[in-house]
Amino acid sequence: MANALVSIQIIPKTQNGEDVIPYVDEAITIINESGLPYEVHPLETTIEGNLADIFPVIEKMNEAMVAKGCPSIISQVKIFYKPSGASMNQLTEKYRP
Protein backbone atom coordinates (compact mmCIF):
# COMPACT_ATOMS: atom_id res chain seq x y z
CA MET A 1 0.00 0.00 0.00
CA ALA A 2 1.13 3.54 -0.76
CA ASN A 3 2.46 5.54 2.17
CA ALA A 4 2.52 9.02 0.64
CA LEU A 5 0.79 11.60 -1.47
CA VAL A 6 3.18 14.05 -3.06
CA SER A 7 1.97 17.13 -4.89
CA ILE A 8 4.40 18.85 -7.21
CA GLN A 9 4.29 22.09 -9.12
CA ILE A 10 7.21 22.33 -11.50
CA ILE A 11 8.15 25.79 -12.73
CA PRO A 12 10.90 25.65 -15.33
CA LYS A 13 12.75 28.79 -16.36
CA THR A 14 12.91 28.68 -20.14
CA GLN A 15 15.86 30.03 -22.11
CA ASN A 16 13.97 32.65 -24.08
CA GLY A 17 10.82 33.12 -22.02
CA GLU A 18 8.86 30.52 -23.97
CA ASP A 19 5.51 29.24 -22.74
CA VAL A 20 6.14 26.67 -19.99
CA ILE A 21 3.09 24.50 -20.77
CA PRO A 22 4.98 22.16 -23.16
CA TYR A 23 7.60 21.70 -20.43
CA VAL A 24 4.94 20.94 -17.83
CA ASP A 25 3.36 18.48 -20.29
CA GLU A 26 6.74 16.72 -20.50
CA ALA A 27 6.91 16.53 -16.70
CA ILE A 28 3.41 15.02 -16.55
CA THR A 29 4.42 12.48 -19.21
CA ILE A 30 7.26 11.39 -16.93
CA ILE A 31 4.80 10.94 -14.06
CA ASN A 32 2.49 8.95 -16.33
CA GLU A 33 5.36 6.71 -17.47
CA SER A 34 6.22 5.96 -13.84
CA GLY A 35 3.07 3.87 -13.53
CA LEU A 36 2.19 5.53 -10.22
CA PRO A 37 -1.38 6.75 -9.68
CA TYR A 38 -1.67 10.52 -10.11
CA GLU A 39 -4.14 13.34 -10.62
CA VAL A 40 -3.47 16.52 -12.57
CA HIS A 41 -4.94 19.67 -11.02
CA PRO A 42 -4.78 23.23 -12.34
CA LEU A 43 -1.75 24.27 -10.28
CA GLU A 44 -0.09 20.99 -9.30
CA THR A 45 -0.10 17.25 -9.84
CA THR A 46 -0.53 14.77 -6.99
CA ILE A 47 1.24 11.42 -7.10
CA GLU A 48 0.33 8.46 -4.89
CA GLY A 49 2.92 5.89 -3.91
CA ASN A 50 5.87 5.23 -1.66
CA LEU A 51 8.35 8.03 -1.09
CA ALA A 52 11.17 5.80 -2.36
CA ASP A 53 9.31 5.49 -5.68
CA ILE A 54 8.12 9.09 -5.98
CA PHE A 55 11.36 10.96 -5.30
CA PRO A 56 13.18 9.45 -8.30
CA VAL A 57 10.26 10.56 -10.51
CA ILE A 58 10.67 14.14 -9.25
CA GLU A 59 14.40 13.94 -9.91
CA LYS A 60 13.73 12.66 -13.45
CA MET A 61 11.28 15.52 -14.06
CA ASN A 62 13.90 18.09 -13.10
CA GLU A 63 16.59 16.39 -15.17
CA ALA A 64 14.24 16.41 -18.19
CA MET A 65 13.78 20.17 -17.84
CA VAL A 66 17.55 20.65 -17.87
CA ALA A 67 17.81 18.38 -20.92
CA LYS A 68 15.24 20.61 -22.65
CA GLY A 69 17.52 23.61 -22.03
CA CYS A 70 16.10 25.11 -18.85
CA PRO A 71 18.84 26.86 -16.87
CA SER A 72 16.90 26.42 -13.61
CA ILE A 73 13.73 24.86 -12.22
CA ILE A 74 11.63 25.48 -9.15
CA SER A 75 9.86 22.38 -7.85
CA GLN A 76 7.34 23.12 -5.14
CA VAL A 77 6.62 19.87 -3.34
CA LYS A 78 4.05 19.00 -0.65
CA ILE A 79 4.16 15.64 1.09
CA PHE A 80 1.47 13.82 3.03
CA TYR A 81 3.17 10.83 4.64
CA LYS A 82 1.32 8.14 6.56
CA PRO A 83 3.25 4.89 7.10
CA SER A 84 0.03 2.90 7.62
CA GLY A 85 -1.25 3.93 4.19
CA ALA A 86 -2.26 6.98 2.20
CA SER A 87 -4.53 7.36 -0.79
CA MET A 88 -6.01 10.25 -2.73
CA ASN A 89 -9.47 8.68 -2.62
CA GLN A 90 -9.35 8.12 1.11
CA LEU A 91 -8.22 11.66 1.82
CA THR A 92 -10.80 13.33 -0.44
CA GLU A 93 -13.74 10.90 -0.52
CA LYS A 94 -16.04 13.12 1.56
CA TYR A 95 -15.69 15.89 -1.06
CA ARG A 96 -16.57 13.75 -4.07
CA PRO A 97 -20.12 13.83 -5.47
PDB file of N, CA and C in Angstrom:
ATOM      1  N   MET A   1       0.838  -1.186   0.000  1.00  0.00           N
ATOM      2  CA  MET A   1       0.000   0.000   0.000  1.00  0.00           C
ATOM      3  C   MET A   1       0.880   1.245   0.000  1.00  0.00           C
ATOM      4  N   ALA A   2       0.420   2.261  -0.694  1.00  0.00           N
ATOM      5  CA  ALA A   2       1.132   3.540  -0.763  1.00  0.00           C
ATOM      6  C   ALA A   2       1.210   4.182   0.619  1.00  0.00           C
ATOM      7  N   ASN A   3       2.317   4.867   0.883  1.00  0.00           N
ATOM      8  CA  ASN A   3       2.457   5.539   2.173  1.00  0.00           C
ATOM      9  C   ASN A   3       2.544   7.059   2.048  1.00  0.00           C
ATOM     10  N   ALA A   4       2.372   7.569   0.801  1.00  0.00           N
ATOM     11  CA  ALA A   4       2.522   9.017   0.639  1.00  0.00           C
ATOM     12  C   ALA A   4       1.709   9.555  -0.534  1.00  0.00           C
ATOM     13  N   LEU A   5       1.324  10.788  -0.377  1.00  0.00           N
ATOM     14  CA  LEU A   5       0.789  11.600  -1.467  1.00  0.00           C
ATOM     15  C   LEU A   5       1.764  12.759  -1.610  1.00  0.00           C
ATOM     16  N   VAL A   6       2.237  12.969  -2.813  1.00  0.00           N
ATOM     17  CA  VAL A   6       3.182  14.053  -3.058  1.00  0.00           C
ATOM     18  C   VAL A   6       2.628  14.919  -4.176  1.00  0.00           C
ATOM     19  N   SER A   7       2.406  16.187  -3.874  1.00  0.00           N
ATOM     20  CA  SER A   7       1.966  17.135  -4.888  1.00  0.00           C
ATOM     21  C   SER A   7       3.169  17.937  -5.337  1.00  0.00           C
ATOM     22  N   ILE A   8       3.278  18.100  -6.659  1.00  0.00           N
ATOM     23  CA  ILE A   8       4.400  18.850  -7.209  1.00  0.00           C
ATOM     24  C   ILE A   8       3.894  19.864  -8.217  1.00  0.00           C
ATOM     25  N   GLN A   9       4.454  21.041  -8.109  1.00  0.00           N
ATOM     26  CA  GLN A   9       4.286  22.090  -9.119  1.00  0.00           C
ATOM     27  C   GLN A   9       5.686  22.376  -9.639  1.00  0.00           C
ATOM     28  N   ILE A  10       5.897  22.105 -10.914  1.00  0.00           N
ATOM     29  CA  ILE A  10       7.211  22.328 -11.502  1.00  0.00           C
ATOM     30  C   ILE A  10       7.153  23.609 -12.319  1.00  0.00           C
ATOM     31  N   ILE A  11       8.114  24.493 -12.066  1.00  0.00           N
ATOM     32  CA  ILE A  11       8.155  25.794 -12.729  1.00  0.00           C
ATOM     33  C   ILE A  11       9.525  25.944 -13.385  1.00  0.00           C
ATOM     34  N   PRO A  12       9.613  25.539 -14.649  1.00  0.00           N
ATOM     35  CA  PRO A  12      10.900  25.653 -15.327  1.00  0.00           C
ATOM     36  C   PRO A  12      11.143  27.070 -15.838  1.00  0.00           C
ATOM     37  N   LYS A  13      12.375  27.523 -15.737  1.00  0.00           N
ATOM     38  CA  LYS A  13      12.755  28.787 -16.361  1.00  0.00           C
ATOM     39  C   LYS A  13      13.216  28.433 -17.772  1.00  0.00           C
ATOM     40  N   THR A  14      12.549  29.002 -18.765  1.00  0.00           N
ATOM     41  CA  THR A  14      12.908  28.685 -20.144  1.00  0.00           C
ATOM     42  C   THR A  14      13.982  29.653 -20.629  1.00  0.00           C
ATOM     43  N   GLN A  15      14.736  29.227 -21.634  1.00  0.00           N
ATOM     44  CA  GLN A  15      15.862  30.027 -22.105  1.00  0.00           C
ATOM     45  C   GLN A  15      15.447  31.382 -22.651  1.00  0.00           C
ATOM     46  N   ASN A  16      14.363  31.404 -23.424  1.00  0.00           N
ATOM     47  CA  ASN A  16      13.968  32.647 -24.082  1.00  0.00           C
ATOM     48  C   ASN A  16      12.575  33.105 -23.685  1.00  0.00           C
ATOM     49  N   GLY A  17      12.134  32.704 -22.499  1.00  0.00           N
ATOM     50  CA  GLY A  17      10.821  33.123 -22.024  1.00  0.00           C
ATOM     51  C   GLY A  17       9.665  32.432 -22.730  1.00  0.00           C
ATOM     52  N   GLU A  18       9.926  31.243 -23.300  1.00  0.00           N
ATOM     53  CA  GLU A  18       8.863  30.515 -23.970  1.00  0.00           C
ATOM     54  C   GLU A  18       7.771  30.104 -22.976  1.00  0.00           C
ATOM     55  N   ASP A  19       6.623  29.763 -23.524  1.00  0.00           N
ATOM     56  CA  ASP A  19       5.511  29.236 -22.735  1.00  0.00           C
ATOM     57  C   ASP A  19       5.980  27.960 -22.025  1.00  0.00           C
ATOM     58  N   VAL A  20       5.673  27.832 -20.752  1.00  0.00           N
ATOM     59  CA  VAL A  20       6.138  26.671 -19.991  1.00  0.00           C
ATOM     60  C   VAL A  20       5.226  25.453 -20.130  1.00  0.00           C
ATOM     61  N   ILE A  21       4.045  25.611 -20.701  1.00  0.00           N
ATOM     62  CA  ILE A  21       3.094  24.504 -20.772  1.00  0.00           C
ATOM     63  C   ILE A  21       3.684  23.264 -21.450  1.00  0.00           C
ATOM     64  N   PRO A  22       4.383  23.374 -22.580  1.00  0.00           N
ATOM     65  CA  PRO A  22       4.976  22.160 -23.161  1.00  0.00           C
ATOM     66  C   PRO A  22       5.993  21.480 -22.219  1.00  0.00           C
ATOM     67  N   TYR A  23       6.653  22.249 -21.399  1.00  0.00           N
ATOM     68  CA  TYR A  23       7.600  21.700 -20.431  1.00  0.00           C
ATOM     69  C   TYR A  23       6.845  20.964 -19.317  1.00  0.00           C
ATOM     70  N   VAL A  24       5.765  21.575 -18.856  1.00  0.00           N
ATOM     71  CA  VAL A  24       4.936  20.940 -17.829  1.00  0.00           C
ATOM     72  C   VAL A  24       4.325  19.653 -18.391  1.00  0.00           C
ATOM     73  N   ASP A  25       3.895  19.697 -19.648  1.00  0.00           N
ATOM     74  CA  ASP A  25       3.365  18.484 -20.289  1.00  0.00           C
ATOM     75  C   ASP A  25       4.401  17.366 -20.271  1.00  0.00           C
ATOM     76  N   GLU A  26       5.642  17.708 -20.535  1.00  0.00           N
ATOM     77  CA  GLU A  26       6.736  16.725 -20.501  1.00  0.00           C
ATOM     78  C   GLU A  26       6.892  16.149 -19.101  1.00  0.00           C
ATOM     79  N   ALA A  27       6.791  16.993 -18.084  1.00  0.00           N
ATOM     80  CA  ALA A  27       6.907  16.526 -16.701  1.00  0.00           C
ATOM     81  C   ALA A  27       5.764  15.570 -16.357  1.00  0.00           C
ATOM     82  N   ILE A  28       4.563  15.887 -16.808  1.00  0.00           N
ATOM     83  CA  ILE A  28       3.410  15.016 -16.548  1.00  0.00           C
ATOM     84  C   ILE A  28       3.562  13.695 -17.290  1.00  0.00           C
ATOM     85  N   THR A  29       4.148  13.723 -18.477  1.00  0.00           N
ATOM     86  CA  THR A  29       4.418  12.479 -19.214  1.00  0.00           C
ATOM     87  C   THR A  29       5.346  11.581 -18.402  1.00  0.00           C
ATOM     88  N   ILE A  30       6.332  12.168 -17.763  1.00  0.00           N
ATOM     89  CA  ILE A  30       7.264  11.393 -16.930  1.00  0.00           C
ATOM     90  C   ILE A  30       6.517  10.753 -15.759  1.00  0.00           C
ATOM     91  N   ILE A  31       5.610  11.502 -15.150  1.00  0.00           N
ATOM     92  CA  ILE A  31       4.803  10.942 -14.060  1.00  0.00           C
ATOM     93  C   ILE A  31       3.962   9.784 -14.599  1.00  0.00           C
ATOM     94  N   ASN A  32       3.327   9.991 -15.730  1.00  0.00           N
ATOM     95  CA  ASN A  32       2.490   8.949 -16.330  1.00  0.00           C
ATOM     96  C   ASN A  32       3.305   7.679 -16.600  1.00  0.00           C
ATOM     97  N   GLU A  33       4.496   7.851 -17.152  1.00  0.00           N
ATOM     98  CA  GLU A  33       5.358   6.707 -17.474  1.00  0.00           C
ATOM     99  C   GLU A  33       5.850   5.963 -16.234  1.00  0.00           C
ATOM    100  N   SER A  34       5.783   6.609 -15.073  1.00  0.00           N
ATOM    101  CA  SER A  34       6.221   5.957 -13.836  1.00  0.00           C
ATOM    102  C   SER A  34       5.281   4.826 -13.429  1.00  0.00           C
ATOM    103  N   GLY A  35       4.047   4.876 -13.896  1.00  0.00           N
ATOM    104  CA  GLY A  35       3.066   3.871 -13.525  1.00  0.00           C
ATOM    105  C   GLY A  35       2.394   4.132 -12.186  1.00  0.00           C
ATOM    106  N   LEU A  36       2.795   5.187 -11.503  1.00  0.00           N
ATOM    107  CA  LEU A  36       2.186   5.527 -10.218  1.00  0.00           C
ATOM    108  C   LEU A  36       0.849   6.228 -10.449  1.00  0.00           C
ATOM    109  N   PRO A  37      -0.121   6.023  -9.564  1.00  0.00           N
ATOM    110  CA  PRO A  37      -1.382   6.751  -9.678  1.00  0.00           C
ATOM    111  C   PRO A  37      -1.123   8.251  -9.477  1.00  0.00           C
ATOM    112  N   TYR A  38      -1.839   9.073 -10.247  1.00  0.00           N
ATOM    113  CA  TYR A  38      -1.674  10.521 -10.113  1.00  0.00           C
ATOM    114  C   TYR A  38      -2.926  11.236 -10.590  1.00  0.00           C
ATOM    115  N   GLU A  39      -3.060  12.465 -10.170  1.00  0.00           N
ATOM    116  CA  GLU A  39      -4.140  13.342 -10.620  1.00  0.00           C
ATOM    117  C   GLU A  39      -3.540  14.691 -10.974  1.00  0.00           C
ATOM    118  N   VAL A  40      -3.914  15.195 -12.142  1.00  0.00           N
ATOM    119  CA  VAL A  40      -3.472  16.519 -12.573  1.00  0.00           C
ATOM    120  C   VAL A  40      -4.522  17.522 -12.124  1.00  0.00           C
ATOM    121  N   HIS A  41      -4.073  18.569 -11.472  1.00  0.00           N
ATOM    122  CA  HIS A  41      -4.936  19.668 -11.025  1.00  0.00           C
ATOM    123  C   HIS A  41      -4.430  20.946 -11.685  1.00  0.00           C
ATOM    124  N   PRO A  42      -5.194  22.015 -11.629  1.00  0.00           N
ATOM    125  CA  PRO A  42      -4.783  23.228 -12.341  1.00  0.00           C
ATOM    126  C   PRO A  42      -3.410  23.779 -11.963  1.00  0.00           C
ATOM    127  N   LEU A  43      -3.003  23.656 -10.704  1.00  0.00           N
ATOM    128  CA  LEU A  43      -1.751  24.272 -10.278  1.00  0.00           C
ATOM    129  C   LEU A  43      -0.699  23.288  -9.793  1.00  0.00           C
ATOM    130  N   GLU A  44      -1.037  21.995  -9.760  1.00  0.00           N
ATOM    131  CA  GLU A  44      -0.088  20.987  -9.304  1.00  0.00           C
ATOM    132  C   GLU A  44      -0.602  19.614  -9.689  1.00  0.00           C
ATOM    133  N   THR A  45       0.266  18.641  -9.588  1.00  0.00           N
ATOM    134  CA  THR A  45      -0.104  17.250  -9.836  1.00  0.00           C
ATOM    135  C   THR A  45       0.215  16.454  -8.582  1.00  0.00           C
ATOM    136  N   THR A  46      -0.720  15.595  -8.184  1.00  0.00           N
ATOM    137  CA  THR A  46      -0.527  14.772  -6.995  1.00  0.00           C
ATOM    138  C   THR A  46      -0.243  13.342  -7.414  1.00  0.00           C
ATOM    139  N   ILE A  47       0.815  12.789  -6.828  1.00  0.00           N
ATOM    140  CA  ILE A  47       1.244  11.419  -7.101  1.00  0.00           C
ATOM    141  C   ILE A  47       1.034  10.596  -5.836  1.00  0.00           C
ATOM    142  N   GLU A  48       0.552   9.373  -6.015  1.00  0.00           N
ATOM    143  CA  GLU A  48       0.329   8.463  -4.891  1.00  0.00           C
ATOM    144  C   GLU A  48       1.315   7.304  -4.992  1.00  0.00           C
ATOM    145  N   GLY A  49       1.984   7.009  -3.896  1.00  0.00           N
ATOM    146  CA  GLY A  49       2.924   5.893  -3.911  1.00  0.00           C
ATOM    147  C   GLY A  49       3.784   5.906  -2.668  1.00  0.00           C
ATOM    148  N   ASN A  50       4.902   5.228  -2.749  1.00  0.00           N
ATOM    149  CA  ASN A  50       5.869   5.228  -1.662  1.00  0.00           C
ATOM    150  C   ASN A  50       6.921   6.297  -1.948  1.00  0.00           C
ATOM    151  N   LEU A  51       7.370   6.957  -0.899  1.00  0.00           N
ATOM    152  CA  LEU A  51       8.352   8.030  -1.085  1.00  0.00           C
ATOM    153  C   LEU A  51       9.554   7.550  -1.899  1.00  0.00           C
ATOM    154  N   ALA A  52       9.995   6.336  -1.646  1.00  0.00           N
ATOM    155  CA  ALA A  52      11.165   5.801  -2.358  1.00  0.00           C
ATOM    156  C   ALA A  52      10.921   5.677  -3.855  1.00  0.00           C
ATOM    157  N   ASP A  53       9.660   5.567  -4.265  1.00  0.00           N
ATOM    158  CA  ASP A  53       9.315   5.485  -5.684  1.00  0.00           C
ATOM    159  C   ASP A  53       9.022   6.859  -6.290  1.00  0.00           C
ATOM    160  N   ILE A  54       8.527   7.771  -5.475  1.00  0.00           N
ATOM    161  CA  ILE A  54       8.123   9.089  -5.977  1.00  0.00           C
ATOM    162  C   ILE A  54       9.318  10.018  -6.155  1.00  0.00           C
ATOM    163  N   PHE A  55      10.243  10.024  -5.207  1.00  0.00           N
ATOM    164  CA  PHE A  55      11.364  10.962  -5.296  1.00  0.00           C
ATOM    165  C   PHE A  55      12.190  10.796  -6.570  1.00  0.00           C
ATOM    166  N   PRO A  56      12.454   9.569  -7.033  1.00  0.00           N
ATOM    167  CA  PRO A  56      13.176   9.450  -8.302  1.00  0.00           C
ATOM    168  C   PRO A  56      12.398  10.016  -9.499  1.00  0.00           C
ATOM    169  N   VAL A  57      11.079   9.980  -9.433  1.00  0.00           N
ATOM    170  CA  VAL A  57      10.257  10.564 -10.505  1.00  0.00           C
ATOM    171  C   VAL A  57      10.441  12.077 -10.521  1.00  0.00           C
ATOM    172  N   ILE A  58      10.457  12.695  -9.346  1.00  0.00           N
ATOM    173  CA  ILE A  58      10.669  14.137  -9.255  1.00  0.00           C
ATOM    174  C   ILE A  58      12.058  14.506  -9.764  1.00  0.00           C
ATOM    175  N   GLU A  59      13.040  13.700  -9.410  1.00  0.00           N
ATOM    176  CA  GLU A  59      14.396  13.939  -9.910  1.00  0.00           C
ATOM    177  C   GLU A  59      14.429  13.842 -11.441  1.00  0.00           C
ATOM    178  N   LYS A  60      13.761  12.843 -11.988  1.00  0.00           N
ATOM    179  CA  LYS A  60      13.731  12.661 -13.446  1.00  0.00           C
ATOM    180  C   LYS A  60      13.029  13.835 -14.132  1.00  0.00           C
ATOM    181  N   MET A  61      11.980  14.362 -13.507  1.00  0.00           N
ATOM    182  CA  MET A  61      11.278  15.524 -14.061  1.00  0.00           C
ATOM    183  C   MET A  61      12.222  16.720 -14.164  1.00  0.00           C
ATOM    184  N   ASN A  62      12.964  16.966 -13.109  1.00  0.00           N
ATOM    185  CA  ASN A  62      13.897  18.093 -13.103  1.00  0.00           C
ATOM    186  C   ASN A  62      15.015  17.896 -14.120  1.00  0.00           C
ATOM    187  N   GLU A  63      15.535  16.679 -14.195  1.00  0.00           N
ATOM    188  CA  GLU A  63      16.586  16.387 -15.174  1.00  0.00           C
ATOM    189  C   GLU A  63      16.078  16.583 -16.605  1.00  0.00           C
ATOM    190  N   ALA A  64      14.819  16.235 -16.849  1.00  0.00           N
ATOM    191  CA  ALA A  64      14.240  16.413 -18.185  1.00  0.00           C
ATOM    192  C   ALA A  64      14.145  17.892 -18.551  1.00  0.00           C
ATOM    193  N   MET A  65      13.855  18.730 -17.570  1.00  0.00           N
ATOM    194  CA  MET A  65      13.777  20.172 -17.844  1.00  0.00           C
ATOM    195  C   MET A  65      15.154  20.711 -18.227  1.00  0.00           C
ATOM    196  N   VAL A  66      16.184  20.247 -17.542  1.00  0.00           N
ATOM    197  CA  VAL A  66      17.553  20.651 -17.870  1.00  0.00           C
ATOM    198  C   VAL A  66      17.905  20.170 -19.278  1.00  0.00           C
ATOM    199  N   ALA A  67      17.529  18.933 -19.596  1.00  0.00           N
ATOM    200  CA  ALA A  67      17.812  18.383 -20.919  1.00  0.00           C
ATOM    201  C   ALA A  67      17.105  19.175 -22.021  1.00  0.00           C
ATOM    202  N   LYS A  68      15.974  19.792 -21.685  1.00  0.00           N
ATOM    203  CA  LYS A  68      15.239  20.613 -22.651  1.00  0.00           C
ATOM    204  C   LYS A  68      15.790  22.037 -22.721  1.00  0.00           C
ATOM    205  N   GLY A  69      16.858  22.316 -21.953  1.00  0.00           N
ATOM    206  CA  GLY A  69      17.516  23.611 -22.033  1.00  0.00           C
ATOM    207  C   GLY A  69      17.166  24.606 -20.949  1.00  0.00           C
ATOM    208  N   CYS A  70      16.440  24.194 -19.934  1.00  0.00           N
ATOM    209  CA  CYS A  70      16.095  25.112 -18.845  1.00  0.00           C
ATOM    210  C   CYS A  70      17.325  25.341 -17.960  1.00  0.00           C
ATOM    211  N   PRO A  71      17.683  26.590 -17.728  1.00  0.00           N
ATOM    212  CA  PRO A  71      18.837  26.864 -16.874  1.00  0.00           C
ATOM    213  C   PRO A  71      18.551  26.641 -15.389  1.00  0.00           C
ATOM    214  N   SER A  72      17.261  26.680 -15.005  1.00  0.00           N
ATOM    215  CA  SER A  72      16.898  26.420 -13.611  1.00  0.00           C
ATOM    216  C   SER A  72      15.429  26.007 -13.541  1.00  0.00           C
ATOM    217  N   ILE A  73      15.085  25.362 -12.434  1.00  0.00           N
ATOM    218  CA  ILE A  73      13.733  24.856 -12.223  1.00  0.00           C
ATOM    219  C   ILE A  73      13.382  25.047 -10.753  1.00  0.00           C
ATOM    220  N   ILE A  74      12.161  25.474 -10.510  1.00  0.00           N
ATOM    221  CA  ILE A  74      11.627  25.480  -9.150  1.00  0.00           C
ATOM    222  C   ILE A  74      10.635  24.330  -9.078  1.00  0.00           C
ATOM    223  N   SER A  75      10.800  23.464  -8.096  1.00  0.00           N
ATOM    224  CA  SER A  75       9.855  22.377  -7.853  1.00  0.00           C
ATOM    225  C   SER A  75       9.277  22.580  -6.468  1.00  0.00           C
ATOM    226  N   GLN A  76       8.017  22.956  -6.426  1.00  0.00           N
ATOM    227  CA  GLN A  76       7.345  23.116  -5.142  1.00  0.00           C
ATOM    228  C   GLN A  76       6.674  21.793  -4.818  1.00  0.00           C
ATOM    229  N   VAL A  77       7.058  21.208  -3.695  1.00  0.00           N
ATOM    230  CA  VAL A  77       6.615  19.866  -3.341  1.00  0.00           C
ATOM    231  C   VAL A  77       5.916  19.891  -1.980  1.00  0.00           C
ATOM    232  N   LYS A  78       4.764  19.205  -1.920  1.00  0.00           N
ATOM    233  CA  LYS A  78       4.047  19.003  -0.654  1.00  0.00           C
ATOM    234  C   LYS A  78       3.935  17.507  -0.439  1.00  0.00           C
ATOM    235  N   ILE A  79       4.166  17.071   0.789  1.00  0.00           N
ATOM    236  CA  ILE A  79       4.160  15.640   1.085  1.00  0.00           C
ATOM    237  C   ILE A  79       3.183  15.351   2.230  1.00  0.00           C
ATOM    238  N   PHE A  80       2.300  14.403   1.972  1.00  0.00           N
ATOM    239  CA  PHE A  80       1.470  13.821   3.029  1.00  0.00           C
ATOM    240  C   PHE A  80       1.990  12.407   3.210  1.00  0.00           C
ATOM    241  N   TYR A  81       2.553  12.120   4.372  1.00  0.00           N
ATOM    242  CA  TYR A  81       3.169  10.825   4.645  1.00  0.00           C
ATOM    243  C   TYR A  81       2.440  10.143   5.784  1.00  0.00           C
ATOM    244  N   LYS A  82       2.014   8.924   5.532  1.00  0.00           N
ATOM    245  CA  LYS A  82       1.321   8.142   6.559  1.00  0.00           C
ATOM    246  C   LYS A  82       1.774   6.693   6.403  1.00  0.00           C
ATOM    247  N   PRO A  83       2.689   6.229   7.250  1.00  0.00           N
ATOM    248  CA  PRO A  83       3.252   4.885   7.101  1.00  0.00           C
ATOM    249  C   PRO A  83       2.212   3.769   7.015  1.00  0.00           C
ATOM    250  N   SER A  84       1.057   3.955   7.648  1.00  0.00           N
ATOM    251  CA  SER A  84       0.035   2.899   7.623  1.00  0.00           C
ATOM    252  C   SER A  84      -0.776   2.907   6.330  1.00  0.00           C
ATOM    253  N   GLY A  85      -0.565   3.901   5.487  1.00  0.00           N
ATOM    254  CA  GLY A  85      -1.249   3.935   4.194  1.00  0.00           C
ATOM    255  C   GLY A  85      -1.865   5.285   3.892  1.00  0.00           C
ATOM    256  N   ALA A  86      -1.712   5.704   2.648  1.00  0.00           N
ATOM    257  CA  ALA A  86      -2.259   6.985   2.203  1.00  0.00           C
ATOM    258  C   ALA A  86      -2.815   6.812   0.793  1.00  0.00           C
ATOM    259  N   SER A  87      -3.974   7.393   0.560  1.00  0.00           N
ATOM    260  CA  SER A  87      -4.528   7.359  -0.793  1.00  0.00           C
ATOM    261  C   SER A  87      -5.284   8.652  -1.070  1.00  0.00           C
ATOM    262  N   MET A  88      -5.282   9.041  -2.334  1.00  0.00           N
ATOM    263  CA  MET A  88      -6.014  10.247  -2.733  1.00  0.00           C
ATOM    264  C   MET A  88      -7.500  10.070  -2.461  1.00  0.00           C
ATOM    265  N   ASN A  89      -8.044   8.914  -2.811  1.00  0.00           N
ATOM    266  CA  ASN A  89      -9.475   8.679  -2.622  1.00  0.00           C
ATOM    267  C   ASN A  89      -9.861   8.748  -1.159  1.00  0.00           C
ATOM    268  N   GLN A  90      -9.071   8.123  -0.314  1.00  0.00           N
ATOM    269  CA  GLN A  90      -9.353   8.120   1.114  1.00  0.00           C
ATOM    270  C   GLN A  90      -9.325   9.546   1.690  1.00  0.00           C
ATOM    271  N   LEU A  91      -8.378  10.319   1.267  1.00  0.00           N
ATOM    272  CA  LEU A  91      -8.219  11.665   1.817  1.00  0.00           C
ATOM    273  C   LEU A  91      -9.304  12.620   1.329  1.00  0.00           C
ATOM    274  N   THR A  92      -9.848  12.379   0.132  1.00  0.00           N
ATOM    275  CA  THR A  92     -10.804  13.327  -0.439  1.00  0.00           C
ATOM    276  C   THR A  92     -12.199  12.771  -0.653  1.00  0.00           C
ATOM    277  N   GLU A  93     -12.454  11.542  -0.219  1.00  0.00           N
ATOM    278  CA  GLU A  93     -13.744  10.900  -0.525  1.00  0.00           C
ATOM    279  C   GLU A  93     -14.951  11.702  -0.052  1.00  0.00           C
ATOM    280  N   LYS A  94     -14.873  12.382   1.057  1.00  0.00           N
ATOM    281  CA  LYS A  94     -16.037  13.118   1.562  1.00  0.00           C
ATOM    282  C   LYS A  94     -16.380  14.338   0.690  1.00  0.00           C
ATOM    283  N   TYR A  95     -15.448  14.739  -0.193  1.00  0.00           N
ATOM    284  CA  TYR A  95     -15.692  15.886  -1.057  1.00  0.00           C
ATOM    285  C   TYR A  95     -16.174  15.483  -2.453  1.00  0.00           C
ATOM    286  N   ARG A  96     -16.175  14.219  -2.749  1.00  0.00           N
ATOM    287  CA  ARG A  96     -16.567  13.748  -4.073  1.00  0.00           C
ATOM    288  C   ARG A  96     -18.071  13.581  -4.164  1.00  0.00           C
ATOM    289  N   PRO A  97     -18.644  13.971  -5.309  1.00  0.00           N
ATOM    290  CA  PRO A  97     -20.124  13.828  -5.467  1.00  0.00           C
ATOM    291  C   PRO A  97     -20.556  12.377  -5.512  1.00  0.00           C
TER     292      PRO A  97
END
